[in-house]
PDB file of all heavy atoms in Angstrom:
ATOM      1  N   ASP A   1     189.547 186.066 105.786  1.00  0.00           N
ATOM      2  CA  ASP A   1     190.745 186.693 106.377  1.00  0.00           C
ATOM      3  C   ASP A   1     190.938 186.355 107.893  1.00  0.00           C
ATOM      4  O   ASP A   1     191.658 186.892 108.557  1.00  0.00           O
ATOM      5  CB  ASP A   1     190.600 188.268 106.229  1.00  0.00           C
ATOM      6  CG  ASP A   1     189.350 188.755 106.936  1.00  0.00           C
ATOM      7  OD1 ASP A   1     188.537 188.028 107.430  1.00  0.00           O
ATOM      8  OD2 ASP A   1     189.232 190.092 106.931  1.00  0.00           O
ATOM      9  N   GLY A   2     190.146 185.333 108.325  1.00  0.00           N
ATOM     10  CA  GLY A   2     190.229 184.908 109.665  1.00  0.00           C
ATOM     11  C   GLY A   2     189.403 185.702 110.682  1.00  0.00           C
ATOM     12  O   GLY A   2     189.474 185.495 111.836  1.00  0.00           O
ATOM     13  N   ASN A   3     188.557 186.612 110.174  1.00  0.00           N
ATOM     14  CA  ASN A   3     187.818 187.524 111.113  1.00  0.00           C
ATOM     15  C   ASN A   3     186.398 187.247 111.204  1.00  0.00           C
ATOM     16  O   ASN A   3     185.710 187.982 111.928  1.00  0.00           O
ATOM     17  CB  ASN A   3     188.084 188.984 110.620  1.00  0.00           C
ATOM     18  CG  ASN A   3     189.501 189.313 110.953  1.00  0.00           C
ATOM     19  OD1 ASN A   3     190.108 189.022 111.936  1.00  0.00           O
ATOM     20  ND2 ASN A   3     190.132 190.036 109.997  1.00  0.00           N
ATOM     21  N   ALA A   4     185.831 186.238 110.543  1.00  0.00           N
ATOM     22  CA  ALA A   4     184.389 185.898 110.786  1.00  0.00           C
ATOM     23  C   ALA A   4     184.222 185.445 112.259  1.00  0.00           C
ATOM     24  O   ALA A   4     185.191 184.944 112.883  1.00  0.00           O
ATOM     25  CB  ALA A   4     183.946 184.733 109.894  1.00  0.00           C
ATOM     26  N   LEU A   5     183.130 185.700 112.811  1.00  0.00           N
ATOM     27  CA  LEU A   5     182.866 185.302 114.254  1.00  0.00           C
ATOM     28  C   LEU A   5     183.156 183.879 114.488  1.00  0.00           C
ATOM     29  O   LEU A   5     183.770 183.534 115.469  1.00  0.00           O
ATOM     30  CB  LEU A   5     181.449 185.713 114.709  1.00  0.00           C
ATOM     31  CG  LEU A   5     181.185 185.521 116.176  1.00  0.00           C
ATOM     32  CD1 LEU A   5     180.254 186.630 116.720  1.00  0.00           C
ATOM     33  CD2 LEU A   5     180.516 184.161 116.434  1.00  0.00           C
ATOM     34  N   LEU A   6     182.689 182.976 113.618  1.00  0.00           N
ATOM     35  CA  LEU A   6     182.826 181.523 113.882  1.00  0.00           C
ATOM     36  C   LEU A   6     184.295 181.139 113.689  1.00  0.00           C
ATOM     37  O   LEU A   6     184.796 180.323 114.590  1.00  0.00           O
ATOM     38  CB  LEU A   6     182.011 180.770 112.860  1.00  0.00           C
ATOM     39  CG  LEU A   6     182.101 179.232 112.998  1.00  0.00           C
ATOM     40  CD1 LEU A   6     181.660 178.822 114.403  1.00  0.00           C
ATOM     41  CD2 LEU A   6     181.280 178.532 111.996  1.00  0.00           C
ATOM     42  N   THR A   7     185.050 181.791 112.814  1.00  0.00           N
ATOM     43  CA  THR A   7     186.472 181.519 112.736  1.00  0.00           C
ATOM     44  C   THR A   7     187.218 181.917 113.941  1.00  0.00           C
ATOM     45  O   THR A   7     188.028 181.161 114.519  1.00  0.00           O
ATOM     46  CB  THR A   7     187.043 182.219 111.455  1.00  0.00           C
ATOM     47  OG1 THR A   7     186.390 181.770 110.301  1.00  0.00           O
ATOM     48  CG2 THR A   7     188.540 181.876 111.327  1.00  0.00           C
ATOM     49  N   ARG A   8     186.956 183.094 114.441  1.00  0.00           N
ATOM     50  CA  ARG A   8     187.548 183.555 115.674  1.00  0.00           C
ATOM     51  C   ARG A   8     187.191 182.666 116.890  1.00  0.00           C
ATOM     52  O   ARG A   8     187.938 182.387 117.689  1.00  0.00           O
ATOM     53  CB  ARG A   8     187.171 185.061 115.922  1.00  0.00           C
ATOM     54  CG  ARG A   8     187.824 186.017 115.026  1.00  0.00           C
ATOM     55  CD  ARG A   8     187.471 187.500 115.382  1.00  0.00           C
ATOM     56  NE  ARG A   8     188.257 188.439 114.633  1.00  0.00           N
ATOM     57  CZ  ARG A   8     188.219 189.764 114.843  1.00  0.00           C
ATOM     58  NH1 ARG A   8     187.429 190.219 115.783  1.00  0.00           N
ATOM     59  NH2 ARG A   8     188.974 190.597 114.129  1.00  0.00           N
ATOM     60  N   CYS A   9     185.898 182.219 116.820  1.00  0.00           N
ATOM     61  CA  CYS A   9     185.461 181.330 117.936  1.00  0.00           C
ATOM     62  C   CYS A   9     186.288 180.066 117.938  1.00  0.00           C
ATOM     63  O   CYS A   9     186.719 179.558 118.989  1.00  0.00           O
ATOM     64  CB  CYS A   9     183.936 181.074 117.746  1.00  0.00           C
ATOM     65  SG  CYS A   9     183.316 179.818 118.816  1.00  0.00           S
ATOM     66  N   VAL A  10     186.513 179.476 116.761  1.00  0.00           N
ATOM     67  CA  VAL A  10     187.233 178.278 116.697  1.00  0.00           C
ATOM     68  C   VAL A  10     188.668 178.449 117.219  1.00  0.00           C
ATOM     69  O   VAL A  10     189.246 177.611 117.977  1.00  0.00           O
ATOM     70  CB  VAL A  10     187.254 177.783 115.189  1.00  0.00           C
ATOM     71  CG1 VAL A  10     188.411 176.733 115.010  1.00  0.00           C
ATOM     72  CG2 VAL A  10     185.968 177.208 114.813  1.00  0.00           C
ATOM     73  N   ASP A  11     189.266 179.548 116.881  1.00  0.00           N
ATOM     74  CA  ASP A  11     190.712 179.790 117.284  1.00  0.00           C
ATOM     75  C   ASP A  11     190.706 180.128 118.791  1.00  0.00           C
ATOM     76  O   ASP A  11     191.683 179.691 119.495  1.00  0.00           O
ATOM     77  CB  ASP A  11     191.327 180.945 116.446  1.00  0.00           C
ATOM     78  CG  ASP A  11     191.717 180.545 115.109  1.00  0.00           C
ATOM     79  OD1 ASP A  11     191.752 179.331 114.855  1.00  0.00           O
ATOM     80  OD2 ASP A  11     192.108 181.341 114.327  1.00  0.00           O
ATOM     81  N   TRP A  12     189.692 180.831 119.319  1.00  0.00           N
ATOM     82  CA  TRP A  12     189.613 181.013 120.742  1.00  0.00           C
ATOM     83  C   TRP A  12     189.414 179.747 121.546  1.00  0.00           C
ATOM     84  O   TRP A  12     190.114 179.450 122.519  1.00  0.00           O
ATOM     85  CB  TRP A  12     188.448 182.043 121.024  1.00  0.00           C
ATOM     86  CG  TRP A  12     188.025 182.134 122.450  1.00  0.00           C
ATOM     87  CD1 TRP A  12     188.664 182.786 123.385  1.00  0.00           C
ATOM     88  CD2 TRP A  12     186.899 181.476 123.060  1.00  0.00           C
ATOM     89  NE1 TRP A  12     188.038 182.679 124.629  1.00  0.00           N
ATOM     90  CE2 TRP A  12     186.891 181.906 124.381  1.00  0.00           C
ATOM     91  CE3 TRP A  12     185.892 180.700 122.604  1.00  0.00           C
ATOM     92  CZ2 TRP A  12     185.908 181.452 125.314  1.00  0.00           C
ATOM     93  CZ3 TRP A  12     184.903 180.289 123.453  1.00  0.00           C
ATOM     94  CH2 TRP A  12     184.924 180.641 124.792  1.00  0.00           C
ATOM     95  N   SER A  13     188.462 178.929 121.046  1.00  0.00           N
ATOM     96  CA  SER A  13     188.159 177.679 121.810  1.00  0.00           C
ATOM     97  C   SER A  13     189.336 176.716 121.740  1.00  0.00           C
ATOM     98  O   SER A  13     189.606 176.016 122.674  1.00  0.00           O
ATOM     99  CB  SER A  13     186.911 177.047 121.204  1.00  0.00           C
ATOM    100  OG  SER A  13     186.544 175.848 121.820  1.00  0.00           O
ATOM    101  N   SER A  14     190.069 176.642 120.577  1.00  0.00           N
ATOM    102  CA  SER A  14     191.197 175.822 120.487  1.00  0.00           C
ATOM    103  C   SER A  14     192.184 176.084 121.633  1.00  0.00           C
ATOM    104  O   SER A  14     192.714 175.135 122.229  1.00  0.00           O
ATOM    105  CB  SER A  14     191.943 176.092 119.120  1.00  0.00           C
ATOM    106  OG  SER A  14     191.171 175.786 118.053  1.00  0.00           O
ATOM    107  N   ARG A  15     192.364 177.336 121.965  1.00  0.00           N
ATOM    108  CA  ARG A  15     193.376 177.708 122.950  1.00  0.00           C
ATOM    109  C   ARG A  15     192.754 177.557 124.375  1.00  0.00           C
ATOM    110  O   ARG A  15     193.398 176.938 125.255  1.00  0.00           O
ATOM    111  CB  ARG A  15     193.772 179.154 122.735  1.00  0.00           C
ATOM    112  CG  ARG A  15     194.764 179.735 123.727  1.00  0.00           C
ATOM    113  CD  ARG A  15     195.191 181.137 123.466  1.00  0.00           C
ATOM    114  NE  ARG A  15     194.010 182.084 123.435  1.00  0.00           N
ATOM    115  CZ  ARG A  15     193.459 182.650 124.556  1.00  0.00           C
ATOM    116  NH1 ARG A  15     194.045 182.372 125.750  1.00  0.00           N
ATOM    117  NH2 ARG A  15     192.457 183.501 124.465  1.00  0.00           N
ATOM    118  N   VAL A  16     191.572 178.092 124.558  1.00  0.00           N
ATOM    119  CA  VAL A  16     190.976 178.086 125.893  1.00  0.00           C
ATOM    120  C   VAL A  16     190.539 176.731 126.357  1.00  0.00           C
ATOM    121  O   VAL A  16     190.744 176.350 127.509  1.00  0.00           O
ATOM    122  CB  VAL A  16     189.805 179.100 125.976  1.00  0.00           C
ATOM    123  CG1 VAL A  16     189.035 178.984 127.306  1.00  0.00           C
ATOM    124  CG2 VAL A  16     190.280 180.484 125.767  1.00  0.00           C
ATOM    125  N   HIS A  17     190.035 175.924 125.495  1.00  0.00           N
ATOM    126  CA  HIS A  17     189.526 174.614 125.811  1.00  0.00           C
ATOM    127  C   HIS A  17     190.535 173.526 125.443  1.00  0.00           C
ATOM    128  O   HIS A  17     190.216 172.314 125.720  1.00  0.00           O
ATOM    129  CB  HIS A  17     188.180 174.341 125.113  1.00  0.00           C
ATOM    130  CG  HIS A  17     187.127 175.373 125.493  1.00  0.00           C
ATOM    131  ND1 HIS A  17     186.446 176.118 124.535  1.00  0.00           N
ATOM    132  CD2 HIS A  17     186.639 175.687 126.660  1.00  0.00           C
ATOM    133  CE1 HIS A  17     185.654 176.898 125.133  1.00  0.00           C
ATOM    134  NE2 HIS A  17     185.710 176.702 126.433  1.00  0.00           N
ATOM    135  N   ASN A  18     191.652 173.842 124.878  1.00  0.00           N
ATOM    136  CA  ASN A  18     192.661 172.909 124.472  1.00  0.00           C
ATOM    137  C   ASN A  18     192.098 171.679 123.678  1.00  0.00           C
ATOM    138  O   ASN A  18     192.219 170.527 124.047  1.00  0.00           O
ATOM    139  CB  ASN A  18     193.443 172.378 125.647  1.00  0.00           C
ATOM    140  CG  ASN A  18     194.579 171.469 125.289  1.00  0.00           C
ATOM    141  OD1 ASN A  18     195.238 171.706 124.283  1.00  0.00           O
ATOM    142  ND2 ASN A  18     194.907 170.529 126.079  1.00  0.00           N
ATOM    143  N   THR A  19     191.431 172.054 122.544  1.00  0.00           N
ATOM    144  CA  THR A  19     190.810 171.005 121.741  1.00  0.00           C
ATOM    145  C   THR A  19     191.245 171.308 120.270  1.00  0.00           C
ATOM    146  O   THR A  19     191.258 172.512 119.886  1.00  0.00           O
ATOM    147  CB  THR A  19     189.303 170.970 121.886  1.00  0.00           C
ATOM    148  OG1 THR A  19     188.806 169.817 121.181  1.00  0.00           O
ATOM    149  CG2 THR A  19     188.606 172.255 121.357  1.00  0.00           C
ATOM    150  N   LEU A  20     191.531 170.316 119.540  1.00  0.00           N
ATOM    151  CA  LEU A  20     191.929 170.465 118.114  1.00  0.00           C
ATOM    152  C   LEU A  20     190.673 170.392 117.242  1.00  0.00           C
ATOM    153  O   LEU A  20     189.945 169.433 117.171  1.00  0.00           O
ATOM    154  CB  LEU A  20     192.884 169.319 117.712  1.00  0.00           C
ATOM    155  CG  LEU A  20     193.355 169.392 116.270  1.00  0.00           C
ATOM    156  CD1 LEU A  20     194.187 170.660 116.027  1.00  0.00           C
ATOM    157  CD2 LEU A  20     194.190 168.149 115.966  1.00  0.00           C
ATOM    158  N   TYR A  21     190.457 171.572 116.645  1.00  0.00           N
ATOM    159  CA  TYR A  21     189.282 171.592 115.669  1.00  0.00           C
ATOM    160  C   TYR A  21     189.770 171.092 114.304  1.00  0.00           C
ATOM    161  O   TYR A  21     190.803 171.522 113.731  1.00  0.00           O
ATOM    162  CB  TYR A  21     188.819 173.069 115.471  1.00  0.00           C
ATOM    163  CG  TYR A  21     187.866 173.434 116.584  1.00  0.00           C
ATOM    164  CD1 TYR A  21     188.426 173.892 117.866  1.00  0.00           C
ATOM    165  CD2 TYR A  21     186.480 173.408 116.491  1.00  0.00           C
ATOM    166  CE1 TYR A  21     187.551 174.274 118.894  1.00  0.00           C
ATOM    167  CE2 TYR A  21     185.667 173.754 117.543  1.00  0.00           C
ATOM    168  CZ  TYR A  21     186.165 174.188 118.751  1.00  0.00           C
ATOM    169  OH  TYR A  21     185.338 174.555 119.772  1.00  0.00           O
ATOM    170  N   VAL A  22     189.015 170.108 113.744  1.00  0.00           N
ATOM    171  CA  VAL A  22     189.309 169.551 112.491  1.00  0.00           C
ATOM    172  C   VAL A  22     188.137 169.890 111.501  1.00  0.00           C
ATOM    173  O   VAL A  22     187.005 169.508 111.763  1.00  0.00           O
ATOM    174  CB  VAL A  22     189.494 168.029 112.535  1.00  0.00           C
ATOM    175  CG1 VAL A  22     189.804 167.414 111.140  1.00  0.00           C
ATOM    176  CG2 VAL A  22     190.614 167.715 113.544  1.00  0.00           C
ATOM    177  N   VAL A  23     188.422 170.669 110.486  1.00  0.00           N
ATOM    178  CA  VAL A  23     187.422 171.308 109.590  1.00  0.00           C
ATOM    179  C   VAL A  23     187.473 170.730 108.252  1.00  0.00           C
ATOM    180  O   VAL A  23     188.552 170.587 107.630  1.00  0.00           O
ATOM    181  CB  VAL A  23     187.626 172.840 109.616  1.00  0.00           C
ATOM    182  CG1 VAL A  23     186.588 173.463 108.732  1.00  0.00           C
ATOM    183  CG2 VAL A  23     187.637 173.412 110.998  1.00  0.00           C
ATOM    184  N   ALA A  24     186.272 170.336 107.767  1.00  0.00           N
ATOM    185  CA  ALA A  24     186.233 169.811 106.343  1.00  0.00           C
ATOM    186  C   ALA A  24     186.542 170.899 105.414  1.00  0.00           C
ATOM    187  O   ALA A  24     186.009 172.029 105.529  1.00  0.00           O
ATOM    188  CB  ALA A  24     184.789 169.253 106.096  1.00  0.00           C
ATOM    189  N   GLY A  25     187.516 170.640 104.492  1.00  0.00           N
ATOM    190  CA  GLY A  25     187.973 171.691 103.621  1.00  0.00           C
ATOM    191  C   GLY A  25     186.862 172.123 102.608  1.00  0.00           C
ATOM    192  O   GLY A  25     186.042 171.320 102.242  1.00  0.00           O
ATOM    193  N   ASN A  26     186.873 173.356 102.279  1.00  0.00           N
ATOM    194  CA  ASN A  26     185.853 173.895 101.381  1.00  0.00           C
ATOM    195  C   ASN A  26     185.898 173.195 100.025  1.00  0.00           C
ATOM    196  O   ASN A  26     186.974 173.026  99.411  1.00  0.00           O
ATOM    197  CB  ASN A  26     186.082 175.470 101.225  1.00  0.00           C
ATOM    198  CG  ASN A  26     185.051 176.000 100.312  1.00  0.00           C
ATOM    199  OD1 ASN A  26     183.988 175.616 100.171  1.00  0.00           O
ATOM    200  ND2 ASN A  26     185.528 176.985  99.588  1.00  0.00           N
ATOM    201  N   GLN A  27     184.690 172.994  99.475  1.00  0.00           N
ATOM    202  CA  GLN A  27     184.564 172.341  98.148  1.00  0.00           C
ATOM    203  C   GLN A  27     183.917 173.152  97.129  1.00  0.00           C
ATOM    204  O   GLN A  27     183.590 172.704  96.065  1.00  0.00           O
ATOM    205  CB  GLN A  27     183.800 171.033  98.324  1.00  0.00           C
ATOM    206  CG  GLN A  27     184.616 169.947  98.999  1.00  0.00           C
ATOM    207  CD  GLN A  27     183.914 168.688  99.278  1.00  0.00           C
ATOM    208  OE1 GLN A  27     184.347 167.838 100.176  1.00  0.00           O
ATOM    209  NE2 GLN A  27     182.699 168.510  98.712  1.00  0.00           N
ATOM    210  N   GLY A  28     183.738 174.457  97.356  1.00  0.00           N
ATOM    211  CA  GLY A  28     183.348 175.337  96.310  1.00  0.00           C
ATOM    212  C   GLY A  28     181.927 175.287  95.910  1.00  0.00           C
ATOM    213  O   GLY A  28     181.059 174.724  96.533  1.00  0.00           O
ATOM    214  N   SER A  29     181.611 175.857  94.690  1.00  0.00           N
ATOM    215  CA  SER A  29     180.297 175.950  94.102  1.00  0.00           C
ATOM    216  C   SER A  29     179.326 176.534  95.077  1.00  0.00           C
ATOM    217  O   SER A  29     178.192 176.091  95.377  1.00  0.00           O
ATOM    218  CB  SER A  29     179.792 174.499  93.710  1.00  0.00           C
ATOM    219  OG  SER A  29     180.707 173.923  92.784  1.00  0.00           O
ATOM    220  N   GLY A  30     179.774 177.644  95.710  1.00  0.00           N
ATOM    221  CA  GLY A  30     178.992 178.361  96.685  1.00  0.00           C
ATOM    222  C   GLY A  30     179.180 177.691  98.051  1.00  0.00           C
ATOM    223  O   GLY A  30     178.298 177.799  98.966  1.00  0.00           O
ATOM    224  N   GLY A  31     180.197 176.937  98.272  1.00  0.00           N
ATOM    225  CA  GLY A  31     180.456 176.091  99.403  1.00  0.00           C
ATOM    226  C   GLY A  31     180.382 176.596 100.747  1.00  0.00           C
ATOM    227  O   GLY A  31     179.648 177.570 100.963  1.00  0.00           O
ATOM    228  N   ILE A  32     181.159 176.110 101.654  1.00  0.00           N
ATOM    229  CA  ILE A  32     180.962 176.539 103.116  1.00  0.00           C
ATOM    230  C   ILE A  32     182.316 176.910 103.616  1.00  0.00           C
ATOM    231  O   ILE A  32     182.917 176.198 104.454  1.00  0.00           O
ATOM    232  CB  ILE A  32     180.298 175.467 103.928  1.00  0.00           C
ATOM    233  CG1 ILE A  32     181.052 174.174 103.767  1.00  0.00           C
ATOM    234  CG2 ILE A  32     178.866 175.291 103.567  1.00  0.00           C
ATOM    235  CD1 ILE A  32     180.582 173.051 104.750  1.00  0.00           C
ATOM    236  N   PRO A  33     182.890 178.012 103.125  1.00  0.00           N
ATOM    237  CA  PRO A  33     184.295 178.313 103.463  1.00  0.00           C
ATOM    238  C   PRO A  33     184.624 178.674 104.907  1.00  0.00           C
ATOM    239  O   PRO A  33     185.691 178.448 105.419  1.00  0.00           O
ATOM    240  CB  PRO A  33     184.702 179.502 102.521  1.00  0.00           C
ATOM    241  CG  PRO A  33     183.338 180.091 102.270  1.00  0.00           C
ATOM    242  CD  PRO A  33     182.358 178.947 102.157  1.00  0.00           C
ATOM    243  N   ILE A  34     183.625 179.319 105.640  1.00  0.00           N
ATOM    244  CA  ILE A  34     183.868 179.700 107.042  1.00  0.00           C
ATOM    245  C   ILE A  34     183.586 178.471 107.915  1.00  0.00           C
ATOM    246  O   ILE A  34     182.573 177.814 107.713  1.00  0.00           O
ATOM    247  CB  ILE A  34     182.888 180.795 107.465  1.00  0.00           C
ATOM    248  CG1 ILE A  34     183.136 182.112 106.590  1.00  0.00           C
ATOM    249  CG2 ILE A  34     183.046 181.136 108.912  1.00  0.00           C
ATOM    250  CD1 ILE A  34     182.130 183.201 106.785  1.00  0.00           C
ATOM    251  N   PRO A  35     184.441 177.952 108.750  1.00  0.00           N
ATOM    252  CA  PRO A  35     185.711 178.606 109.241  1.00  0.00           C
ATOM    253  C   PRO A  35     187.044 177.988 108.718  1.00  0.00           C
ATOM    254  O   PRO A  35     187.957 177.728 109.449  1.00  0.00           O
ATOM    255  CB  PRO A  35     185.539 178.343 110.695  1.00  0.00           C
ATOM    256  CG  PRO A  35     185.060 176.898 110.815  1.00  0.00           C
ATOM    257  CD  PRO A  35     184.114 176.880 109.559  1.00  0.00           C
ATOM    258  N   THR A  36     187.054 177.711 107.400  1.00  0.00           N
ATOM    259  CA  THR A  36     188.236 177.175 106.827  1.00  0.00           C
ATOM    260  C   THR A  36     189.459 178.174 106.828  1.00  0.00           C
ATOM    261  O   THR A  36     190.569 177.773 106.484  1.00  0.00           O
ATOM    262  CB  THR A  36     188.096 176.669 105.378  1.00  0.00           C
ATOM    263  OG1 THR A  36     187.639 177.697 104.557  1.00  0.00           O
ATOM    264  CG2 THR A  36     187.080 175.524 105.370  1.00  0.00           C
ATOM    265  N   ASP A  37     189.178 179.394 107.266  1.00  0.00           N
ATOM    266  CA  ASP A  37     190.294 180.463 107.378  1.00  0.00           C
ATOM    267  C   ASP A  37     190.720 180.461 108.812  1.00  0.00           C
ATOM    268  O   ASP A  37     191.369 181.469 109.208  1.00  0.00           O
ATOM    269  CB  ASP A  37     189.791 181.796 106.891  1.00  0.00           C
ATOM    270  CG  ASP A  37     188.513 182.256 107.569  1.00  0.00           C
ATOM    271  OD1 ASP A  37     187.810 181.404 108.129  1.00  0.00           O
ATOM    272  OD2 ASP A  37     188.254 183.462 107.485  1.00  0.00           O
ATOM    273  N   ASN A  38     190.496 179.399 109.589  1.00  0.00           N
ATOM    274  CA  ASN A  38     191.049 179.313 110.958  1.00  0.00           C
ATOM    275  C   ASN A  38     192.514 179.176 110.920  1.00  0.00           C
ATOM    276  O   ASN A  38     193.186 178.727 109.960  1.00  0.00           O
ATOM    277  CB  ASN A  38     190.356 178.209 111.755  1.00  0.00           C
ATOM    278  CG  ASN A  38     190.895 176.859 111.308  1.00  0.00           C
ATOM    279  OD1 ASN A  38     191.899 176.342 111.720  1.00  0.00           O
ATOM    280  ND2 ASN A  38     190.114 176.186 110.387  1.00  0.00           N
TER     281      ASN A  38
END
């Protein structure tokens, strides 16, 4: 829902540090979804 600490960190840093975060999309099977909800 966008509220994990790492997801919020990515959105904060994007704005404060003016950098584009590019995140590998989740691939399931117990995958690594956070921070794909950025």
